[in-house]
Amino acid sequence: MTTIARTPAQIGNALRRVRKDKGLTQKDVSERTNLRIATISSLENGDAGTQIRTILAVMMVLQLEFRVAERGSDQPSLEDIF
């Protein structure tokens, strides 16, 4: 699965979707990352102040990777995907 996310809200929505697809609760992710449930919730709600290390910790639990790529006209936007 590939999702393009360009805003904090899109990142949060994508992580929430993957978490739910994997059958995990915010509490499960919290326990596996040693982050508070409120922090997981804030990330999933698109808080622009979320630290990158927090995002990466959650992505590790969800078995996701972070990629940096140039925007291309041939790449669909998140809005086009959904």
PDB file of N, CA and C in Angstrom:
ATOM      1  N   MET A   1       0.835  -1.178   0.000  1.00  0.00           N
ATOM      2  CA  MET A   1       0.000   0.000   0.000  1.00  0.00           C
ATOM      3  C   MET A   1       0.878   1.239   0.000  1.00  0.00           C
ATOM      4  N   THR A   2       0.582   2.160  -0.858  1.00  0.00           N
ATOM      5  CA  THR A   2       1.293   3.428  -0.898  1.00  0.00           C
ATOM      6  C   THR A   2       0.288   4.545  -0.725  1.00  0.00           C
ATOM      7  N   THR A   3       0.582   5.429   0.203  1.00  0.00           N
ATOM      8  CA  THR A   3      -0.257   6.595   0.435  1.00  0.00           C
ATOM      9  C   THR A   3       0.617   7.822   0.388  1.00  0.00           C
ATOM     10  N   ILE A   4       0.183   8.819  -0.325  1.00  0.00           N
ATOM     11  CA  ILE A   4       0.900  10.085  -0.378  1.00  0.00           C
ATOM     12  C   ILE A   4       0.243  11.026   0.619  1.00  0.00           C
ATOM     13  N   ALA A   5       1.040  11.550   1.534  1.00  0.00           N
ATOM     14  CA  ALA A   5       0.535  12.472   2.546  1.00  0.00           C
ATOM     15  C   ALA A   5       1.415  13.716   2.546  1.00  0.00           C
ATOM     16  N   ARG A   6       0.779  14.863   2.443  1.00  0.00           N
ATOM     17  CA  ARG A   6       1.514  16.126   2.356  1.00  0.00           C
ATOM     18  C   ARG A   6       1.223  17.079   3.497  1.00  0.00           C
ATOM     19  N   THR A   7       0.267  16.750   4.338  1.00  0.00           N
ATOM     20  CA  THR A   7      -0.082  17.624   5.458  1.00  0.00           C
ATOM     21  C   THR A   7      -0.134  16.795   6.735  1.00  0.00           C
ATOM     22  N   PRO A   8      -0.041  17.452   7.888  1.00  0.00           N
ATOM     23  CA  PRO A   8      -0.163  16.703   9.139  1.00  0.00           C
ATOM     24  C   PRO A   8      -1.481  15.931   9.238  1.00  0.00           C
ATOM     25  N   ALA A   9      -2.571  16.526   8.769  1.00  0.00           N
ATOM     26  CA  ALA A   9      -3.866  15.839   8.814  1.00  0.00           C
ATOM     27  C   ALA A   9      -3.856  14.588   7.943  1.00  0.00           C
ATOM     28  N   GLN A  10      -3.238  14.664   6.772  1.00  0.00           N
ATOM     29  CA  GLN A  10      -3.171  13.501   5.885  1.00  0.00           C
ATOM     30  C   GLN A  10      -2.289  12.411   6.487  1.00  0.00           C
ATOM     31  N   ILE A  11      -1.196  12.802   7.132  1.00  0.00           N
ATOM     32  CA  ILE A  11      -0.332  11.823   7.798  1.00  0.00           C
ATOM     33  C   ILE A  11      -1.108  11.132   8.914  1.00  0.00           C
ATOM     34  N   GLY A  12      -1.798  11.921   9.731  1.00  0.00           N
ATOM     35  CA  GLY A  12      -2.577  11.355  10.825  1.00  0.00           C
ATOM     36  C   GLY A  12      -3.654  10.406  10.339  1.00  0.00           C
ATOM     37  N   ASN A  13      -4.369  10.804   9.304  1.00  0.00           N
ATOM     38  CA  ASN A  13      -5.421   9.945   8.748  1.00  0.00           C
ATOM     39  C   ASN A  13      -4.844   8.642   8.215  1.00  0.00           C
ATOM     40  N   ALA A  14      -3.706   8.736   7.538  1.00  0.00           N
ATOM     41  CA  ALA A  14      -3.075   7.535   6.981  1.00  0.00           C
ATOM     42  C   ALA A  14      -2.634   6.584   8.090  1.00  0.00           C
ATOM     43  N   LEU A  15      -2.030   7.126   9.144  1.00  0.00           N
ATOM     44  CA  LEU A  15      -1.581   6.281  10.248  1.00  0.00           C
ATOM     45  C   LEU A  15      -2.770   5.651  10.981  1.00  0.00           C
ATOM     46  N   ARG A  16      -3.833   6.412  11.168  1.00  0.00           N
ATOM     47  CA  ARG A  16      -5.041   5.866  11.807  1.00  0.00           C
ATOM     48  C   ARG A  16      -5.601   4.709  10.986  1.00  0.00           C
ATOM     49  N   ARG A  17      -5.671   4.910   9.671  1.00  0.00           N
ATOM     50  CA  ARG A  17      -6.218   3.881   8.781  1.00  0.00           C
ATOM     51  C   ARG A  17      -5.397   2.594   8.866  1.00  0.00           C
ATOM     52  N   VAL A  18      -4.084   2.730   8.824  1.00  0.00           N
ATOM     53  CA  VAL A  18      -3.218   1.543   8.893  1.00  0.00           C
ATOM     54  C   VAL A  18      -3.356   0.869  10.255  1.00  0.00           C
ATOM     55  N   ARG A  19      -3.380   1.674  11.317  1.00  0.00           N
ATOM     56  CA  ARG A  19      -3.526   1.102  12.659  1.00  0.00           C
ATOM     57  C   ARG A  19      -4.802   0.274  12.756  1.00  0.00           C
ATOM     58  N   LYS A  20      -5.898   0.840  12.283  1.00  0.00           N
ATOM     59  CA  LYS A  20      -7.170   0.120  12.349  1.00  0.00           C
ATOM     60  C   LYS A  20      -7.164  -1.113  11.449  1.00  0.00           C
ATOM     61  N   ASP A  21      -6.551  -0.994  10.267  1.00  0.00           N
ATOM     62  CA  ASP A  21      -6.463  -2.146   9.367  1.00  0.00           C
ATOM     63  C   ASP A  21      -5.695  -3.302  10.012  1.00  0.00           C
ATOM     64  N   LYS A  22      -4.735  -2.966  10.860  1.00  0.00           N
ATOM     65  CA  LYS A  22      -3.937  -3.986  11.539  1.00  0.00           C
ATOM     66  C   LYS A  22      -4.609  -4.473  12.819  1.00  0.00           C
ATOM     67  N   GLY A  23      -5.791  -3.930  13.126  1.00  0.00           N
ATOM     68  CA  GLY A  23      -6.529  -4.358  14.300  1.00  0.00           C
ATOM     69  C   GLY A  23      -5.940  -3.872  15.613  1.00  0.00           C
ATOM     70  N   LEU A  24      -5.213  -2.774  15.569  1.00  0.00           N
ATOM     71  CA  LEU A  24      -4.590  -2.230  16.773  1.00  0.00           C
ATOM     72  C   LEU A  24      -5.399  -1.053  17.313  1.00  0.00           C
ATOM     73  N   THR A  25      -5.387  -0.903  18.615  1.00  0.00           N
ATOM     74  CA  THR A  25      -6.009   0.259  19.244  1.00  0.00           C
ATOM     75  C   THR A  25      -4.929   1.309  19.510  1.00  0.00           C
ATOM     76  N   GLN A  26      -5.370   2.508  19.858  1.00  0.00           N
ATOM     77  CA  GLN A  26      -4.395   3.525  20.254  1.00  0.00           C
ATOM     78  C   GLN A  26      -3.639   3.071  21.492  1.00  0.00           C
ATOM     79  N   LYS A  27      -4.305   2.344  22.368  1.00  0.00           N
ATOM     80  CA  LYS A  27      -3.636   1.818  23.557  1.00  0.00           C
ATOM     81  C   LYS A  27      -2.533   0.835  23.174  1.00  0.00           C
ATOM     82  N   ASP A  28      -2.792  -0.030  22.197  1.00  0.00           N
ATOM     83  CA  ASP A  28      -1.768  -0.971  21.731  1.00  0.00           C
ATOM     84  C   ASP A  28      -0.531  -0.225  21.246  1.00  0.00           C
ATOM     85  N   VAL A  29      -0.753   0.792  20.416  1.00  0.00           N
ATOM     86  CA  VAL A  29       0.365   1.572  19.876  1.00  0.00           C
ATOM     87  C   VAL A  29       1.075   2.306  21.009  1.00  0.00           C
ATOM     88  N   SER A  30       0.311   2.848  21.930  1.00  0.00           N
ATOM     89  CA  SER A  30       0.877   3.549  23.080  1.00  0.00           C
ATOM     90  C   SER A  30       1.813   2.644  23.872  1.00  0.00           C
ATOM     91  N   GLU A  31       1.361   1.445  24.143  1.00  0.00           N
ATOM     92  CA  GLU A  31       2.173   0.491  24.923  1.00  0.00           C
ATOM     93  C   GLU A  31       3.435   0.089  24.178  1.00  0.00           C
ATOM     94  N   ARG A  32       3.352  -0.057  22.878  1.00  0.00           N
ATOM     95  CA  ARG A  32       4.508  -0.509  22.086  1.00  0.00           C
ATOM     96  C   ARG A  32       5.519   0.602  21.827  1.00  0.00           C
ATOM     97  N   THR A  33       5.090   1.859  21.946  1.00  0.00           N
ATOM     98  CA  THR A  33       5.986   2.988  21.690  1.00  0.00           C
ATOM     99  C   THR A  33       6.392   3.724  22.960  1.00  0.00           C
ATOM    100  N   ASN A  34       5.760   3.382  24.084  1.00  0.00           N
ATOM    101  CA  ASN A  34       5.957   4.120  25.338  1.00  0.00           C
ATOM    102  C   ASN A  34       5.558   5.590  25.197  1.00  0.00           C
ATOM    103  N   LEU A  35       4.565   5.838  24.356  1.00  0.00           N
ATOM    104  CA  LEU A  35       3.994   7.175  24.211  1.00  0.00           C
ATOM    105  C   LEU A  35       2.614   7.171  24.856  1.00  0.00           C
ATOM    106  N   ARG A  36       2.181   8.327  25.298  1.00  0.00           N
ATOM    107  CA  ARG A  36       0.844   8.429  25.888  1.00  0.00           C
ATOM    108  C   ARG A  36      -0.223   8.247  24.806  1.00  0.00           C
ATOM    109  N   ILE A  37      -1.380   7.729  25.206  1.00  0.00           N
ATOM    110  CA  ILE A  37      -2.494   7.588  24.280  1.00  0.00           C
ATOM    111  C   ILE A  37      -2.869   8.958  23.717  1.00  0.00           C
ATOM    112  N   ALA A  38      -2.798   9.992  24.537  1.00  0.00           N
ATOM    113  CA  ALA A  38      -3.115  11.349  24.083  1.00  0.00           C
ATOM    114  C   ALA A  38      -2.173  11.785  22.967  1.00  0.00           C
ATOM    115  N   THR A  39      -0.936  11.339  23.008  1.00  0.00           N
ATOM    116  CA  THR A  39       0.034  11.675  21.962  1.00  0.00           C
ATOM    117  C   THR A  39      -0.336  10.978  20.660  1.00  0.00           C
ATOM    118  N   ILE A  40      -0.728   9.719  20.747  1.00  0.00           N
ATOM    119  CA  ILE A  40      -1.150   8.969  19.558  1.00  0.00           C
ATOM    120  C   ILE A  40      -2.392   9.636  18.958  1.00  0.00           C
ATOM    121  N   SER A  41      -3.322   9.992  19.809  1.00  0.00           N
ATOM    122  CA  SER A  41      -4.548  10.659  19.362  1.00  0.00           C
ATOM    123  C   SER A  41      -4.226  11.986  18.682  1.00  0.00           C
ATOM    124  N   SER A  42      -3.344  12.759  19.278  1.00  0.00           N
ATOM    125  CA  SER A  42      -2.957  14.051  18.717  1.00  0.00           C
ATOM    126  C   SER A  42      -2.329  13.882  17.331  1.00  0.00           C
ATOM    127  N   LEU A  43      -1.467  12.893  17.191  1.00  0.00           N
ATOM    128  CA  LEU A  43      -0.842  12.601  15.894  1.00  0.00           C
ATOM    129  C   LEU A  43      -1.908  12.247  14.868  1.00  0.00           C
ATOM    130  N   GLU A  44      -2.808  11.349  15.231  1.00  0.00           N
ATOM    131  CA  GLU A  44      -3.848  10.917  14.296  1.00  0.00           C
ATOM    132  C   GLU A  44      -4.823  12.037  13.946  1.00  0.00           C
ATOM    133  N   ASN A  45      -4.937  13.029  14.821  1.00  0.00           N
ATOM    134  CA  ASN A  45      -5.816  14.170  14.555  1.00  0.00           C
ATOM    135  C   ASN A  45      -5.116  15.284  13.779  1.00  0.00           C
ATOM    136  N   GLY A  46      -3.868  15.050  13.392  1.00  0.00           N
ATOM    137  CA  GLY A  46      -3.174  15.996  12.524  1.00  0.00           C
ATOM    138  C   GLY A  46      -2.503  17.151  13.221  1.00  0.00           C
ATOM    139  N   ASP A  47      -2.119  16.977  14.481  1.00  0.00           N
ATOM    140  CA  ASP A  47      -1.427  18.037  15.203  1.00  0.00           C
ATOM    141  C   ASP A  47      -0.105  18.350  14.507  1.00  0.00           C
ATOM    142  N   ALA A  48       0.015  19.578  14.029  1.00  0.00           N
ATOM    143  CA  ALA A  48       1.219  19.982  13.290  1.00  0.00           C
ATOM    144  C   ALA A  48       2.452  20.061  14.185  1.00  0.00           C
ATOM    145  N   GLY A  49       2.266  20.044  15.493  1.00  0.00           N
ATOM    146  CA  GLY A  49       3.390  20.128  16.415  1.00  0.00           C
ATOM    147  C   GLY A  49       3.977  18.785  16.805  1.00  0.00           C
ATOM    148  N   THR A  50       3.492  17.708  16.223  1.00  0.00           N
ATOM    149  CA  THR A  50       3.994  16.379  16.550  1.00  0.00           C
ATOM    150  C   THR A  50       5.446  16.240  16.116  1.00  0.00           C
ATOM    151  N   GLN A  51       6.271  15.735  17.000  1.00  0.00           N
ATOM    152  CA  GLN A  51       7.695  15.570  16.698  1.00  0.00           C
ATOM    153  C   GLN A  51       7.912  14.427  15.722  1.00  0.00           C
ATOM    154  N   ILE A  52       8.909  14.573  14.877  1.00  0.00           N
ATOM    155  CA  ILE A  52       9.205  13.549  13.872  1.00  0.00           C
ATOM    156  C   ILE A  52       9.546  12.220  14.536  1.00  0.00           C
ATOM    157  N   ARG A  53      10.205  12.242  15.689  1.00  0.00           N
ATOM    158  CA  ARG A  53      10.549  10.977  16.356  1.00  0.00           C
ATOM    159  C   ARG A  53       9.287  10.247  16.813  1.00  0.00           C
ATOM    160  N   THR A  54       8.249  10.995  17.144  1.00  0.00           N
ATOM    161  CA  THR A  54       6.968  10.387  17.511  1.00  0.00           C
ATOM    162  C   THR A  54       6.345   9.712  16.303  1.00  0.00           C
ATOM    163  N   ILE A  55       6.338  10.408  15.173  1.00  0.00           N
ATOM    164  CA  ILE A  55       5.793   9.841  13.939  1.00  0.00           C
ATOM    165  C   ILE A  55       6.556   8.578  13.561  1.00  0.00           C
ATOM    166  N   LEU A  56       7.872   8.634  13.637  1.00  0.00           N
ATOM    167  CA  LEU A  56       8.686   7.473  13.264  1.00  0.00           C
ATOM    168  C   LEU A  56       8.480   6.299  14.214  1.00  0.00           C
ATOM    169  N   ALA A  57       8.285   6.574  15.491  1.00  0.00           N
ATOM    170  CA  ALA A  57       8.037   5.487  16.453  1.00  0.00           C
ATOM    171  C   ALA A  57       6.725   4.776  16.129  1.00  0.00           C
ATOM    172  N   VAL A  58       5.704   5.553  15.818  1.00  0.00           N
ATOM    173  CA  VAL A  58       4.411   4.954  15.466  1.00  0.00           C
ATOM    174  C   VAL A  58       4.534   4.195  14.152  1.00  0.00           C
ATOM    175  N   MET A  59       5.243   4.764  13.192  1.00  0.00           N
ATOM    176  CA  MET A  59       5.418   4.082  11.908  1.00  0.00           C
ATOM    177  C   MET A  59       6.154   2.758  12.089  1.00  0.00           C
ATOM    178  N   MET A  60       7.107   2.702  13.011  1.00  0.00           N
ATOM    179  CA  MET A  60       7.838   1.459  13.242  1.00  0.00           C
ATOM    180  C   MET A  60       6.884   0.385  13.770  1.00  0.00           C
ATOM    181  N   VAL A  61       6.023   0.740  14.710  1.00  0.00           N
ATOM    182  CA  VAL A  61       5.060  -0.217  15.256  1.00  0.00           C
ATOM    183  C   VAL A  61       4.119  -0.710  14.159  1.00  0.00           C
ATOM    184  N   LEU A  62       3.753   0.196  13.244  1.00  0.00           N
ATOM    185  CA  LEU A  62       2.829  -0.162  12.170  1.00  0.00           C
ATOM    186  C   LEU A  62       3.537  -0.806  10.976  1.00  0.00           C
ATOM    187  N   GLN A  63       4.842  -1.001  11.100  1.00  0.00           N
ATOM    188  CA  GLN A  63       5.662  -1.610  10.048  1.00  0.00           C
ATOM    189  C   GLN A  63       5.574  -0.804   8.743  1.00  0.00           C
ATOM    190  N   LEU A  64       5.733   0.518   8.889  1.00  0.00           N
ATOM    191  CA  LEU A  64       5.738   1.423   7.747  1.00  0.00           C
ATOM    192  C   LEU A  64       7.113   2.046   7.620  1.00  0.00           C
ATOM    193  N   GLU A  65       7.399   2.585   6.457  1.00  0.00           N
ATOM    194  CA  GLU A  65       8.654   3.290   6.286  1.00  0.00           C
ATOM    195  C   GLU A  65       8.388   4.696   5.761  1.00  0.00           C
ATOM    196  N   PHE A  66       9.334   5.562   6.037  1.00  0.00           N
ATOM    197  CA  PHE A  66       9.249   6.963   5.647  1.00  0.00           C
ATOM    198  C   PHE A  66      10.088   7.143   4.384  1.00  0.00           C
ATOM    199  N   ARG A  67       9.504   7.725   3.363  1.00  0.00           N
ATOM    200  CA  ARG A  67      10.226   7.974   2.116  1.00  0.00           C
ATOM    201  C   ARG A  67      10.110   9.441   1.754  1.00  0.00           C
ATOM    202  N   VAL A  68      11.166   9.965   1.187  1.00  0.00           N
ATOM    203  CA  VAL A  68      11.154  11.340   0.707  1.00  0.00           C
ATOM    204  C   VAL A  68      11.285  11.274  -0.805  1.00  0.00           C
ATOM    205  N   ALA A  69      10.370  11.932  -1.499  1.00  0.00           N
ATOM    206  CA  ALA A  69      10.383  11.896  -2.959  1.00  0.00           C
ATOM    207  C   ALA A  69       9.963  13.262  -3.496  1.00  0.00           C
ATOM    208  N   GLU A  70      10.443  13.553  -4.676  1.00  0.00           N
ATOM    209  CA  GLU A  70      10.019  14.776  -5.344  1.00  0.00           C
ATOM    210  C   GLU A  70       8.561  14.634  -5.751  1.00  0.00           C
ATOM    211  N   ARG A  71       7.875  15.749  -5.709  1.00  0.00           N
ATOM    212  CA  ARG A  71       6.502  15.743  -6.208  1.00  0.00           C
ATOM    213  C   ARG A  71       6.559  15.665  -7.716  1.00  0.00           C
ATOM    214  N   GLY A  72       5.746  14.822  -8.253  1.00  0.00           N
ATOM    215  CA  GLY A  72       5.694  14.686  -9.694  1.00  0.00           C
ATOM    216  C   GLY A  72       4.281  14.881 -10.184  1.00  0.00           C
ATOM    217  N   SER A  73       4.158  15.342 -11.387  1.00  0.00           N
ATOM    218  CA  SER A  73       2.818  15.553 -11.936  1.00  0.00           C
ATOM    219  C   SER A  73       2.119  14.225 -12.207  1.00  0.00           C
ATOM    220  N   ASP A  74       2.904  13.144 -12.310  1.00  0.00           N
ATOM    221  CA  ASP A  74       2.306  11.845 -12.574  1.00  0.00           C
ATOM    222  C   ASP A  74       1.863  11.130 -11.299  1.00  0.00           C
ATOM    223  N   GLN A  75       2.215  11.690 -10.120  1.00  0.00           N
ATOM    224  CA  GLN A  75       1.819  11.069  -8.871  1.00  0.00           C
ATOM    225  C   GLN A  75       0.452  11.596  -8.451  1.00  0.00           C
ATOM    226  N   PRO A  76      -0.453  10.691  -8.102  1.00  0.00           N
ATOM    227  CA  PRO A  76      -1.773  11.144  -7.658  1.00  0.00           C
ATOM    228  C   PRO A  76      -1.683  11.816  -6.288  1.00  0.00           C
ATOM    229  N   SER A  77      -2.508  12.776  -6.050  1.00  0.00           N
ATOM    230  CA  SER A  77      -2.567  13.380  -4.732  1.00  0.00           C
ATOM    231  C   SER A  77      -3.430  12.516  -3.840  1.00  0.00           C
ATOM    232  N   LEU A  78      -3.313  12.727  -2.547  1.00  0.00           N
ATOM    233  CA  LEU A  78      -4.124  11.963  -1.609  1.00  0.00           C
ATOM    234  C   LEU A  78      -5.604  12.148  -1.900  1.00  0.00           C
ATOM    235  N   GLU A  79      -5.975  13.354  -2.288  1.00  0.00           N
ATOM    236  CA  GLU A  79      -7.370  13.631  -2.600  1.00  0.00           C
ATOM    237  C   GLU A  79      -7.845  12.799  -3.792  1.00  0.00           C
ATOM    238  N   ASP A  80      -6.964  12.540  -4.749  1.00  0.00           N
ATOM    239  CA  ASP A  80      -7.329  11.720  -5.908  1.00  0.00           C
ATOM    240  C   ASP A  80      -7.508  10.251  -5.534  1.00  0.00           C
ATOM    241  N   ILE A  81      -6.743   9.804  -4.543  1.00  0.00           N
ATOM    242  CA  ILE A  81      -6.789   8.409  -4.138  1.00  0.00           C
ATOM    243  C   ILE A  81      -8.093   8.103  -3.414  1.00  0.00           C
ATOM    244  N   PHE A  82      -8.551   9.047  -2.611  1.00  0.00           N
ATOM    245  CA  PHE A  82      -9.764   8.821  -1.823  1.00  0.00           C
ATOM    246  C   PHE A  82     -10.868   9.621  -2.407  1.00  0.00           C
TER     247      PHE A  82
END
